[in-house]
């Protein structure tokens, strides 16, 4: 849902940013369930009427915060290989996992949204977008090392399969449990190696791709 009245003037844009900053801080401090329009307005130092000028309800605020986090995640993943260098596909995969874990560790509000329990249509859409962003990042880094070998759906399945492990890694560890993160890397490798390893016969890859597309 777009903002009720998209900010046009600089002062309005700054007010919206203050509202989103306040919502992000509340997410970090108290989690999704503690959010309300009144709490966000108070933290932002704006009137409740000012908030409602730009956002219909608290879910509308959450959706906007989620979009901002997705943009930050894109930037973090793009910086995983800033010099354009490429190692093995396993090295590239590790770079993506490291970038995801680092972003989750430094953005507790993102963790509360993406790895939390409160799901509504707005946040479900944000989660789908996050999954697509991660799958695209995997494909972008790995495709040059194994052109055409992996079906695009394989990257998305790997991300969806790994999400519960990522949630587990941060359940009790703000920086991510290293043992669980290592298992996340193993899961990605185990699922994708049949597509990406050089010694996999091409007919077998094609058969697997056909199965994914049924």
Protein backbone atom coordinates (compact mmCIF):
# COMPACT_ATOMS: atom_id res chain seq x y z
CA UNK A 1 0.00 0.00 0.00
CA UNK A 2 1.56 3.36 -0.96
CA UNK A 3 1.68 6.23 1.52
CA UNK A 4 -1.66 8.05 1.84
CA UNK A 5 -0.09 11.35 0.79
CA UNK A 6 3.41 10.83 -0.62
CA UNK A 7 5.63 13.61 0.77
CA UNK A 8 6.45 16.29 -1.79
CA UNK A 9 8.17 18.99 0.21
CA UNK A 10 11.46 18.53 1.99
CA UNK A 11 9.92 19.09 5.42
CA UNK A 12 7.30 16.42 4.73
CA UNK A 13 9.96 14.00 3.51
CA UNK A 14 11.99 14.61 6.65
CA UNK A 15 8.90 14.00 8.80
CA UNK A 16 8.24 10.68 7.07
CA UNK A 17 11.88 9.67 7.62
CA UNK A 18 11.55 10.54 11.31
CA UNK A 19 8.44 8.38 11.55
CA UNK A 20 10.20 5.45 9.86
CA UNK A 21 13.31 5.91 12.01
CA UNK A 22 11.13 5.87 15.12
CA UNK A 23 9.33 2.72 13.98
CA UNK A 24 12.66 1.02 13.30
CA UNK A 25 13.95 1.93 16.78
CA UNK A 26 10.77 0.60 18.38
CA UNK A 27 11.18 -2.63 16.44
CA UNK A 28 14.73 -2.93 17.71
CA UNK A 29 13.80 -2.13 21.33
CA UNK A 30 10.45 -3.85 21.78
CA UNK A 31 9.58 -5.96 18.72
CA UNK A 32 6.70 -5.89 16.27
CA UNK A 33 3.94 -6.54 18.78
CA UNK A 34 4.74 -3.36 20.71
CA UNK A 35 4.19 -1.13 17.70
CA UNK A 36 1.19 1.16 17.45
CA UNK A 37 0.60 4.39 15.59
CA UNK A 38 0.55 6.25 18.89
CA UNK A 39 3.85 4.73 20.06
CA UNK A 40 5.51 5.51 16.73
CA UNK A 41 4.21 9.10 16.73
CA UNK A 42 5.42 9.66 20.30
CA UNK A 43 8.88 8.24 19.53
CA UNK A 44 9.09 10.37 16.36
CA UNK A 45 7.96 13.52 18.17
CA UNK A 46 5.06 14.16 15.80
CA UNK A 47 1.33 14.36 16.34
CA UNK A 48 -0.83 11.31 15.65
CA UNK A 49 -2.64 13.36 13.01
CA UNK A 50 0.65 14.05 11.26
CA UNK A 51 1.40 10.34 11.14
CA UNK A 52 -2.04 9.56 9.70
CA UNK A 53 -1.46 12.13 7.01
CA UNK A 54 1.15 9.81 5.50
CA UNK A 55 0.20 6.35 6.80
CA UNK A 56 -3.21 4.68 7.06
CA UNK A 57 -2.35 2.46 10.06
CA UNK A 58 0.52 0.71 11.81
CA UNK A 59 0.71 -2.00 9.13
CA UNK A 60 1.21 0.75 6.56
CA UNK A 61 4.14 2.02 8.63
CA UNK A 62 5.56 -1.49 8.88
CA UNK A 63 5.30 -1.96 5.14
CA UNK A 64 7.27 1.23 4.53
CA UNK A 65 9.92 0.21 7.07
CA UNK A 66 10.14 -3.22 5.42
CA UNK A 67 10.71 -1.61 2.00
CA UNK A 68 13.54 0.43 3.47
CA UNK A 69 15.14 -2.66 4.97
CA UNK A 70 14.87 -4.47 1.63
CA UNK A 71 16.73 -1.60 -0.02
CA UNK A 72 19.45 -1.87 2.62
CA UNK A 73 19.69 -5.61 2.11
CA UNK A 74 20.13 -5.10 -1.64
CA UNK A 75 23.01 -2.72 -0.98
CA UNK A 76 24.68 -5.14 1.44
CA UNK A 77 24.43 -8.01 -1.01
CA UNK A 78 25.71 -5.87 -3.88
CA UNK A 79 28.75 -5.05 -1.75
CA UNK A 80 29.50 -8.73 -1.13
CA UNK A 81 31.92 -8.62 -4.08
CA UNK A 82 32.54 -4.88 -4.67
CA UNK A 83 35.60 -5.43 -6.86
CA UNK A 84 33.83 -7.87 -9.16
CA UNK A 85 36.31 -10.65 -8.34
CA UNK A 86 35.15 -14.24 -8.37
CA UNK A 87 36.43 -17.26 -6.49
CA UNK A 88 34.85 -20.69 -6.54
CA UNK A 89 31.08 -20.91 -6.38
CA UNK A 90 31.41 -22.05 -2.79
CA UNK A 91 33.41 -18.89 -1.99
CA UNK A 92 30.75 -16.74 -3.63
CA UNK A 93 28.04 -18.56 -1.71
CA UNK A 94 29.90 -17.94 1.53
CA UNK A 95 30.11 -14.24 0.66
CA UNK A 96 26.31 -14.09 0.32
CA UNK A 97 25.74 -15.95 3.60
CA UNK A 98 28.21 -13.65 5.38
CA UNK A 99 26.44 -10.57 3.98
CA UNK A 100 23.02 -11.83 5.06
CA UNK A 101 24.20 -12.68 8.57
CA UNK A 102 26.01 -9.36 8.94
CA UNK A 103 22.92 -7.42 7.88
CA UNK A 104 20.70 -9.36 10.28
CA UNK A 105 23.20 -8.81 13.09
CA UNK A 106 23.42 -5.06 12.56
CA UNK A 107 19.71 -4.46 11.87
CA UNK A 108 17.65 -5.92 14.73
CA UNK A 109 14.54 -4.24 13.34
CA UNK A 110 14.99 -6.21 10.14
CA UNK A 111 15.27 -9.39 12.20
CA UNK A 112 12.06 -8.53 14.03
CA UNK A 113 10.21 -8.11 10.73
CA UNK A 114 11.66 -10.85 8.56
CA UNK A 115 12.42 -13.47 11.19
CA UNK A 116 9.60 -12.60 13.57
CA UNK A 117 6.25 -14.25 14.07
CA UNK A 118 3.81 -11.47 13.16
CA UNK A 119 2.59 -12.10 9.64
CA UNK A 120 0.00 -10.09 7.74
CA UNK A 121 -0.47 -9.49 4.01
CA UNK A 122 1.93 -6.53 4.04
CA UNK A 123 4.71 -8.39 5.84
CA UNK A 124 4.15 -11.56 3.83
CA UNK A 125 4.76 -9.51 0.70
CA UNK A 126 7.89 -8.04 2.28
CA UNK A 127 9.12 -11.54 3.10
CA UNK A 128 8.51 -12.65 -0.47
CA UNK A 129 10.47 -9.65 -1.68
CA UNK A 130 13.33 -10.47 0.70
CA UNK A 131 13.38 -14.03 -0.62
CA UNK A 132 13.50 -12.80 -4.20
CA UNK A 133 16.32 -10.38 -3.36
CA UNK A 134 18.39 -13.15 -1.78
CA UNK A 135 17.72 -15.56 -4.64
CA UNK A 136 18.71 -12.89 -7.17
CA UNK A 137 21.92 -12.23 -5.24
CA UNK A 138 22.81 -15.91 -5.27
CA UNK A 139 22.13 -16.15 -8.96
CA UNK A 140 24.05 -12.97 -9.77
CA UNK A 141 27.20 -14.18 -7.98
CA UNK A 142 27.06 -17.84 -8.97
CA UNK A 143 25.80 -17.70 -12.54
CA UNK A 144 29.11 -16.37 -14.00
CA UNK A 145 30.91 -19.37 -12.51
CA UNK A 146 28.43 -21.93 -13.87
CA UNK A 147 26.57 -20.30 -16.78
CA UNK A 148 23.17 -21.82 -17.40
CA UNK A 149 23.67 -24.77 -15.09
CA UNK A 150 21.19 -23.96 -12.33
CA UNK A 151 17.52 -23.31 -12.93
CA UNK A 152 16.52 -19.92 -11.44
CA UNK A 153 13.92 -21.71 -9.33
CA UNK A 154 16.72 -23.68 -7.65
CA UNK A 155 18.12 -20.50 -6.11
CA UNK A 156 14.70 -19.52 -4.77
CA UNK A 157 14.14 -22.98 -3.29
CA UNK A 158 17.55 -22.84 -1.61
CA UNK A 159 16.64 -19.50 0.00
CA UNK A 160 13.23 -20.70 1.16
CA UNK A 161 14.77 -23.86 2.62
CA UNK A 162 17.43 -21.84 4.42
CA UNK A 163 15.12 -19.27 6.01
CA UNK A 164 14.12 -21.43 9.02
CA UNK A 165 17.81 -22.02 9.77
CA UNK A 166 18.48 -18.28 9.62
CA UNK A 167 15.61 -17.73 12.03
CA UNK A 168 17.09 -20.38 14.36
CA UNK A 169 20.55 -18.79 14.15
CA UNK A 170 19.20 -15.50 15.52
CA UNK A 171 16.63 -16.85 17.97
CA UNK A 172 18.97 -16.60 20.95
CA UNK A 173 22.09 -15.06 19.41
CA UNK A 174 21.96 -11.38 18.35
CA UNK A 175 25.04 -11.90 16.18
CA UNK A 176 23.87 -15.24 14.78
CA UNK A 177 24.84 -18.63 16.19
CA UNK A 178 28.03 -19.59 14.25
CA UNK A 179 27.20 -23.30 14.41
CA UNK A 180 23.76 -22.77 12.86
CA UNK A 181 25.17 -20.35 10.27
CA UNK A 182 27.66 -23.04 9.27
CA UNK A 183 24.78 -25.47 8.81
CA UNK A 184 23.00 -22.88 6.65
CA UNK A 185 26.05 -22.77 4.40
CA UNK A 186 26.11 -26.58 4.28
CA UNK A 187 22.44 -26.65 3.31
CA UNK A 188 23.01 -24.25 0.41
CA UNK A 189 26.03 -26.21 -0.79
CA UNK A 190 24.26 -29.57 -0.53
CA UNK A 191 21.27 -28.35 -2.51
CA UNK A 192 23.11 -26.42 -5.23
CA UNK A 193 26.20 -28.55 -5.84
CA UNK A 194 24.43 -30.94 -8.20
CA UNK A 195 23.77 -27.96 -10.46
CA UNK A 196 27.02 -26.09 -10.00
CA UNK A 197 29.81 -28.66 -9.68
CA UNK A 198 31.78 -29.33 -12.86
CA UNK A 199 31.56 -33.10 -12.57
CA UNK A 200 27.78 -33.21 -12.74
CA UNK A 201 26.64 -34.69 -16.06
CA UNK A 202 24.69 -32.25 -18.24
CA UNK A 203 21.79 -34.66 -18.95
CA UNK A 204 21.26 -35.05 -15.20
CA UNK A 205 21.14 -31.26 -14.77
CA UNK A 206 18.60 -30.96 -17.56
CA UNK A 207 16.44 -33.69 -16.02
CA UNK A 208 16.53 -31.93 -12.65
CA UNK A 209 15.61 -28.62 -14.25
CA UNK A 210 12.63 -30.25 -15.95
CA UNK A 211 11.47 -31.67 -12.61
CA UNK A 212 11.64 -28.21 -11.03
CA UNK A 213 9.55 -26.75 -13.82
CA UNK A 214 6.74 -29.33 -13.75
